[in-house]
Each structure stands twice: as C-alpha cells, then as structure tokens.
Amino acid sequence: MIELNSKERKILEKAAHDLQPVVIVGGAGVTEGLVQMVDTSIAVHELIKVKFNEYKDEKVELVNQICNQVNATLVRIIGNVAILYRQAEKPEDRKFDI
C-alpha cells in the first residue's frame, strides 16, 4: 500500500469521477469472492469504485479490510462509494503518473 498526498488524491478523485462502481457489496458482505473480484478489477484498471448497498455503517472498516487483503490504497470514501487505487506492477501498464 502506498501513501498518497493531497495532490495525488485529487488527481485520482478527478479520474474516478466518471467511473461506475465495478464491485458492489451486498447482503453477503465481504466474501472471498468479492475480495477476488476487487483484486482482479484493480489489477486491470488500477483505479476502481466499490459501492456499498449493504453494511453502510461498517464501510470504513470493510474498505480497510479489503485494501489490506488486495494491497490497495483507499483514495476516498464519498457517500457509500469507496475509490481504491493500486499502481500497476509494470511501468508501461501504469495509467497514472503517481
């Protein structure tokens, strides 16, 4: 997990503005399958949104748990949507210069 400064967060928030949530936390909560889906999606896209339809009161703890499991960084939580970022491993695959 990397630490982001406020300038980097702002760049990523702006890039995430038009993105649709690719992972939705529903009644089943944070399952192994959901964590795997987040890991796969973030490997492809680098920047994703996770929407909470359920467990809205525990979203901060659940997002931190997901980030630790997939080695991602929480950019920001806006309402019931979390923005997650993980830099691509290969420099040529990186979409953001952070």
N, C-alpha and C. Protein backbone atom coordinates (compact mmCIF):
# COMPACT_ATOMS: atom_id res chain seq x y z
N MET A 1 0.84 -1.17 0.00
CA MET A 1 0.00 0.00 0.00
C MET A 1 0.89 1.24 0.00
N ILE A 2 0.56 2.18 -0.89
CA ILE A 2 1.34 3.41 -0.93
C ILE A 2 0.57 4.53 -0.25
N GLU A 3 1.31 5.50 0.25
CA GLU A 3 0.70 6.67 0.86
C GLU A 3 0.52 7.74 -0.22
N LEU A 4 -0.63 8.35 -0.25
CA LEU A 4 -0.92 9.39 -1.23
C LEU A 4 -0.96 10.75 -0.53
N ASN A 5 -0.36 11.74 -1.19
CA ASN A 5 -0.51 13.09 -0.65
C ASN A 5 -1.78 13.71 -1.22
N SER A 6 -2.12 14.91 -0.79
CA SER A 6 -3.39 15.51 -1.19
C SER A 6 -3.45 15.79 -2.69
N LYS A 7 -2.34 16.13 -3.30
CA LYS A 7 -2.31 16.39 -4.74
C LYS A 7 -2.60 15.11 -5.52
N GLU A 8 -1.99 14.01 -5.10
CA GLU A 8 -2.21 12.72 -5.76
C GLU A 8 -3.65 12.25 -5.58
N ARG A 9 -4.19 12.45 -4.38
CA ARG A 9 -5.60 12.09 -4.13
C ARG A 9 -6.53 12.86 -5.05
N LYS A 10 -6.26 14.14 -5.21
CA LYS A 10 -7.10 14.98 -6.06
C LYS A 10 -7.06 14.51 -7.51
N ILE A 11 -5.88 14.14 -8.00
CA ILE A 11 -5.73 13.64 -9.37
C ILE A 11 -6.56 12.36 -9.54
N LEU A 12 -6.45 11.45 -8.57
CA LEU A 12 -7.17 10.18 -8.66
C LEU A 12 -8.68 10.38 -8.50
N GLU A 13 -9.09 11.27 -7.63
CA GLU A 13 -10.53 11.56 -7.47
C GLU A 13 -11.11 12.10 -8.77
N LYS A 14 -10.39 12.98 -9.41
CA LYS A 14 -10.85 13.54 -10.68
C LYS A 14 -10.96 12.46 -11.74
N ALA A 15 -9.98 11.57 -11.79
CA ALA A 15 -10.01 10.47 -12.77
C ALA A 15 -11.15 9.50 -12.49
N ALA A 16 -11.51 9.34 -11.22
CA ALA A 16 -12.55 8.38 -10.84
C ALA A 16 -13.96 8.96 -10.98
N HIS A 17 -14.06 10.24 -11.20
CA HIS A 17 -15.37 10.90 -11.22
C HIS A 17 -16.36 10.23 -12.18
N ASP A 18 -15.94 9.91 -13.38
CA ASP A 18 -16.84 9.33 -14.38
C ASP A 18 -16.91 7.81 -14.33
N LEU A 19 -16.16 7.18 -13.44
CA LEU A 19 -16.17 5.72 -13.36
C LEU A 19 -17.45 5.23 -12.69
N GLN A 20 -17.91 4.08 -13.13
CA GLN A 20 -19.04 3.40 -12.48
C GLN A 20 -18.47 2.38 -11.50
N PRO A 21 -19.17 2.10 -10.40
CA PRO A 21 -18.70 1.07 -9.47
C PRO A 21 -18.61 -0.29 -10.16
N VAL A 22 -17.50 -0.97 -10.01
CA VAL A 22 -17.33 -2.29 -10.62
C VAL A 22 -17.58 -3.41 -9.63
N VAL A 23 -17.56 -3.10 -8.35
CA VAL A 23 -17.82 -4.09 -7.31
C VAL A 23 -18.89 -3.50 -6.38
N ILE A 24 -19.88 -4.33 -6.05
CA ILE A 24 -20.95 -3.89 -5.16
C ILE A 24 -21.02 -4.82 -3.97
N VAL A 25 -20.95 -4.24 -2.77
CA VAL A 25 -21.05 -5.01 -1.53
C VAL A 25 -22.53 -5.12 -1.19
N GLY A 26 -23.05 -6.35 -1.24
CA GLY A 26 -24.47 -6.57 -0.98
C GLY A 26 -24.69 -7.30 0.33
N GLY A 27 -25.75 -8.06 0.38
CA GLY A 27 -26.16 -8.75 1.59
C GLY A 27 -25.17 -9.77 2.11
N ALA A 28 -24.37 -10.34 1.22
CA ALA A 28 -23.39 -11.35 1.64
C ALA A 28 -22.19 -10.72 2.34
N GLY A 29 -22.00 -9.42 2.18
CA GLY A 29 -20.87 -8.75 2.82
C GLY A 29 -19.58 -8.96 2.05
N VAL A 30 -18.49 -8.87 2.78
CA VAL A 30 -17.16 -9.02 2.17
C VAL A 30 -16.79 -10.49 2.22
N THR A 31 -16.98 -11.17 1.09
CA THR A 31 -16.67 -12.58 0.99
C THR A 31 -15.34 -12.74 0.26
N GLU A 32 -14.85 -13.96 0.22
CA GLU A 32 -13.61 -14.25 -0.51
C GLU A 32 -13.78 -13.94 -2.00
N GLY A 33 -14.96 -14.24 -2.53
CA GLY A 33 -15.24 -13.96 -3.94
C GLY A 33 -15.23 -12.47 -4.23
N LEU A 34 -15.76 -11.67 -3.32
CA LEU A 34 -15.77 -10.23 -3.51
C LEU A 34 -14.34 -9.68 -3.48
N VAL A 35 -13.54 -10.16 -2.55
CA VAL A 35 -12.14 -9.72 -2.47
C VAL A 35 -11.39 -10.11 -3.74
N GLN A 36 -11.67 -11.30 -4.26
CA GLN A 36 -11.03 -11.75 -5.51
C GLN A 36 -11.46 -10.86 -6.68
N MET A 37 -12.73 -10.47 -6.70
CA MET A 37 -13.23 -9.60 -7.75
C MET A 37 -12.56 -8.22 -7.69
N VAL A 38 -12.39 -7.69 -6.49
CA VAL A 38 -11.69 -6.41 -6.31
C VAL A 38 -10.25 -6.54 -6.79
N ASP A 39 -9.58 -7.62 -6.43
CA ASP A 39 -8.19 -7.84 -6.81
C ASP A 39 -8.05 -7.90 -8.32
N THR A 40 -8.93 -8.63 -8.97
CA THR A 40 -8.89 -8.76 -10.44
C THR A 40 -9.19 -7.42 -11.11
N SER A 41 -10.22 -6.74 -10.65
CA SER A 41 -10.61 -5.46 -11.25
C SER A 41 -9.53 -4.40 -11.09
N ILE A 42 -8.94 -4.34 -9.92
CA ILE A 42 -7.93 -3.30 -9.67
C ILE A 42 -6.63 -3.62 -10.42
N ALA A 43 -6.37 -4.89 -10.68
CA ALA A 43 -5.19 -5.26 -11.47
C ALA A 43 -5.35 -4.79 -12.91
N VAL A 44 -6.57 -4.82 -13.41
CA VAL A 44 -6.83 -4.40 -14.79
C VAL A 44 -6.94 -2.88 -14.91
N HIS A 45 -7.66 -2.26 -13.99
CA HIS A 45 -8.00 -0.85 -14.13
C HIS A 45 -7.15 0.11 -13.31
N GLU A 46 -6.46 -0.34 -12.29
CA GLU A 46 -5.68 0.48 -11.36
C GLU A 46 -6.54 1.31 -10.41
N LEU A 47 -7.62 1.86 -10.90
CA LEU A 47 -8.49 2.73 -10.11
C LEU A 47 -9.92 2.23 -10.26
N ILE A 48 -10.56 1.89 -9.14
CA ILE A 48 -11.93 1.36 -9.20
C ILE A 48 -12.79 1.99 -8.11
N LYS A 49 -14.09 1.81 -8.28
CA LYS A 49 -15.05 2.22 -7.26
C LYS A 49 -15.73 0.98 -6.70
N VAL A 50 -15.95 0.98 -5.40
CA VAL A 50 -16.67 -0.09 -4.72
C VAL A 50 -17.88 0.55 -4.05
N LYS A 51 -19.07 0.06 -4.39
CA LYS A 51 -20.30 0.64 -3.84
C LYS A 51 -20.85 -0.26 -2.74
N PHE A 52 -21.33 0.38 -1.69
CA PHE A 52 -21.93 -0.34 -0.56
C PHE A 52 -23.44 -0.19 -0.60
N ASN A 53 -24.14 -1.28 -0.98
CA ASN A 53 -25.60 -1.31 -0.90
C ASN A 53 -26.04 -1.77 0.48
N GLU A 54 -25.21 -2.55 1.13
CA GLU A 54 -25.46 -3.03 2.49
C GLU A 54 -24.22 -2.71 3.32
N TYR A 55 -24.30 -2.90 4.63
CA TYR A 55 -23.18 -2.68 5.54
C TYR A 55 -22.64 -1.25 5.46
N LYS A 56 -23.52 -0.30 5.26
CA LYS A 56 -23.10 1.10 5.11
C LYS A 56 -22.48 1.66 6.39
N ASP A 57 -22.94 1.17 7.54
CA ASP A 57 -22.39 1.66 8.81
C ASP A 57 -20.96 1.17 9.05
N GLU A 58 -20.61 0.02 8.47
CA GLU A 58 -19.27 -0.54 8.68
C GLU A 58 -18.36 -0.36 7.47
N LYS A 59 -18.71 0.54 6.55
CA LYS A 59 -17.97 0.65 5.30
C LYS A 59 -16.50 1.02 5.49
N VAL A 60 -16.19 1.85 6.47
CA VAL A 60 -14.79 2.26 6.68
C VAL A 60 -13.94 1.05 7.07
N GLU A 61 -14.44 0.25 8.02
CA GLU A 61 -13.70 -0.94 8.45
C GLU A 61 -13.59 -1.96 7.32
N LEU A 62 -14.70 -2.15 6.57
CA LEU A 62 -14.69 -3.13 5.48
C LEU A 62 -13.77 -2.71 4.34
N VAL A 63 -13.75 -1.42 4.02
CA VAL A 63 -12.86 -0.93 2.96
C VAL A 63 -11.40 -1.12 3.37
N ASN A 64 -11.09 -0.81 4.62
CA ASN A 64 -9.72 -1.01 5.10
C ASN A 64 -9.33 -2.49 5.05
N GLN A 65 -10.26 -3.36 5.39
CA GLN A 65 -10.01 -4.80 5.33
C GLN A 65 -9.75 -5.24 3.88
N ILE A 66 -10.57 -4.75 2.95
CA ILE A 66 -10.38 -5.08 1.53
C ILE A 66 -9.03 -4.56 1.04
N CYS A 67 -8.70 -3.32 1.39
CA CYS A 67 -7.43 -2.72 0.95
C CYS A 67 -6.24 -3.53 1.45
N ASN A 68 -6.29 -3.98 2.70
CA ASN A 68 -5.19 -4.78 3.24
C ASN A 68 -5.06 -6.11 2.52
N GLN A 69 -6.18 -6.73 2.15
CA GLN A 69 -6.13 -8.03 1.51
C GLN A 69 -5.63 -7.96 0.07
N VAL A 70 -5.93 -6.86 -0.64
CA VAL A 70 -5.53 -6.77 -2.05
C VAL A 70 -4.38 -5.79 -2.27
N ASN A 71 -3.81 -5.27 -1.18
CA ASN A 71 -2.68 -4.34 -1.25
C ASN A 71 -3.03 -3.09 -2.06
N ALA A 72 -4.20 -2.52 -1.78
CA ALA A 72 -4.65 -1.32 -2.46
C ALA A 72 -4.63 -0.14 -1.49
N THR A 73 -4.80 1.04 -2.04
CA THR A 73 -4.84 2.26 -1.23
C THR A 73 -6.22 2.88 -1.36
N LEU A 74 -6.77 3.27 -0.23
CA LEU A 74 -8.05 3.96 -0.22
C LEU A 74 -7.80 5.42 -0.60
N VAL A 75 -8.41 5.86 -1.69
CA VAL A 75 -8.27 7.25 -2.11
C VAL A 75 -9.24 8.11 -1.30
N ARG A 76 -10.53 7.72 -1.30
CA ARG A 76 -11.53 8.47 -0.57
C ARG A 76 -12.83 7.67 -0.53
N ILE A 77 -13.63 7.94 0.49
CA ILE A 77 -14.99 7.41 0.56
C ILE A 77 -15.93 8.60 0.39
N ILE A 78 -16.77 8.52 -0.63
CA ILE A 78 -17.74 9.57 -0.89
C ILE A 78 -19.12 8.92 -0.81
N GLY A 79 -19.88 9.28 0.19
CA GLY A 79 -21.19 8.66 0.39
C GLY A 79 -21.01 7.19 0.70
N ASN A 80 -21.58 6.34 -0.11
CA ASN A 80 -21.45 4.89 0.06
C ASN A 80 -20.57 4.26 -1.02
N VAL A 81 -19.70 5.08 -1.60
CA VAL A 81 -18.79 4.60 -2.64
C VAL A 81 -17.35 4.87 -2.22
N ALA A 82 -16.54 3.82 -2.31
CA ALA A 82 -15.11 3.95 -1.99
C ALA A 82 -14.30 3.91 -3.28
N ILE A 83 -13.30 4.76 -3.36
CA ILE A 83 -12.39 4.78 -4.51
C ILE A 83 -11.09 4.13 -4.07
N LEU A 84 -10.69 3.06 -4.78
CA LEU A 84 -9.48 2.31 -4.45
C LEU A 84 -8.47 2.43 -5.59
N TYR A 85 -7.19 2.45 -5.22
CA TYR A 85 -6.11 2.58 -6.21
C TYR A 85 -4.99 1.60 -5.87
N ARG A 86 -4.47 0.95 -6.90
CA ARG A 86 -3.26 0.15 -6.76
C ARG A 86 -2.46 0.32 -8.04
N GLN A 87 -1.24 0.76 -7.90
CA GLN A 87 -0.37 1.01 -9.04
C GLN A 87 -0.05 -0.29 -9.76
N ALA A 88 -0.07 -0.24 -11.10
CA ALA A 88 0.27 -1.41 -11.90
C ALA A 88 1.73 -1.79 -11.66
N GLU A 89 2.00 -3.08 -11.70
CA GLU A 89 3.36 -3.55 -11.41
C GLU A 89 4.35 -3.16 -12.49
N LYS A 90 3.94 -3.25 -13.76
CA LYS A 90 4.82 -2.90 -14.86
C LYS A 90 4.68 -1.41 -15.17
N PRO A 91 5.79 -0.68 -15.25
CA PRO A 91 5.71 0.76 -15.52
C PRO A 91 4.96 1.11 -16.81
N GLU A 92 5.07 0.27 -17.84
CA GLU A 92 4.39 0.58 -19.10
C GLU A 92 2.88 0.39 -19.02
N ASP A 93 2.39 -0.30 -18.01
CA ASP A 93 0.94 -0.51 -17.82
C ASP A 93 0.29 0.56 -16.96
N ARG A 94 1.07 1.45 -16.39
CA ARG A 94 0.54 2.45 -15.47
C ARG A 94 -0.23 3.54 -16.22
N LYS A 95 -1.42 3.84 -15.72
CA LYS A 95 -2.27 4.84 -16.34
C LYS A 95 -2.13 6.20 -15.66
N PHE A 96 -1.61 6.21 -14.44
CA PHE A 96 -1.48 7.44 -13.66
C PHE A 96 -0.03 7.62 -13.25
N ASP A 97 0.47 8.85 -13.41
CA ASP A 97 1.86 9.14 -13.07
C ASP A 97 1.92 9.63 -11.62
N ILE A 98 1.91 8.65 -10.70
CA ILE A 98 1.91 8.99 -9.27
C ILE A 98 3.13 8.38 -8.61
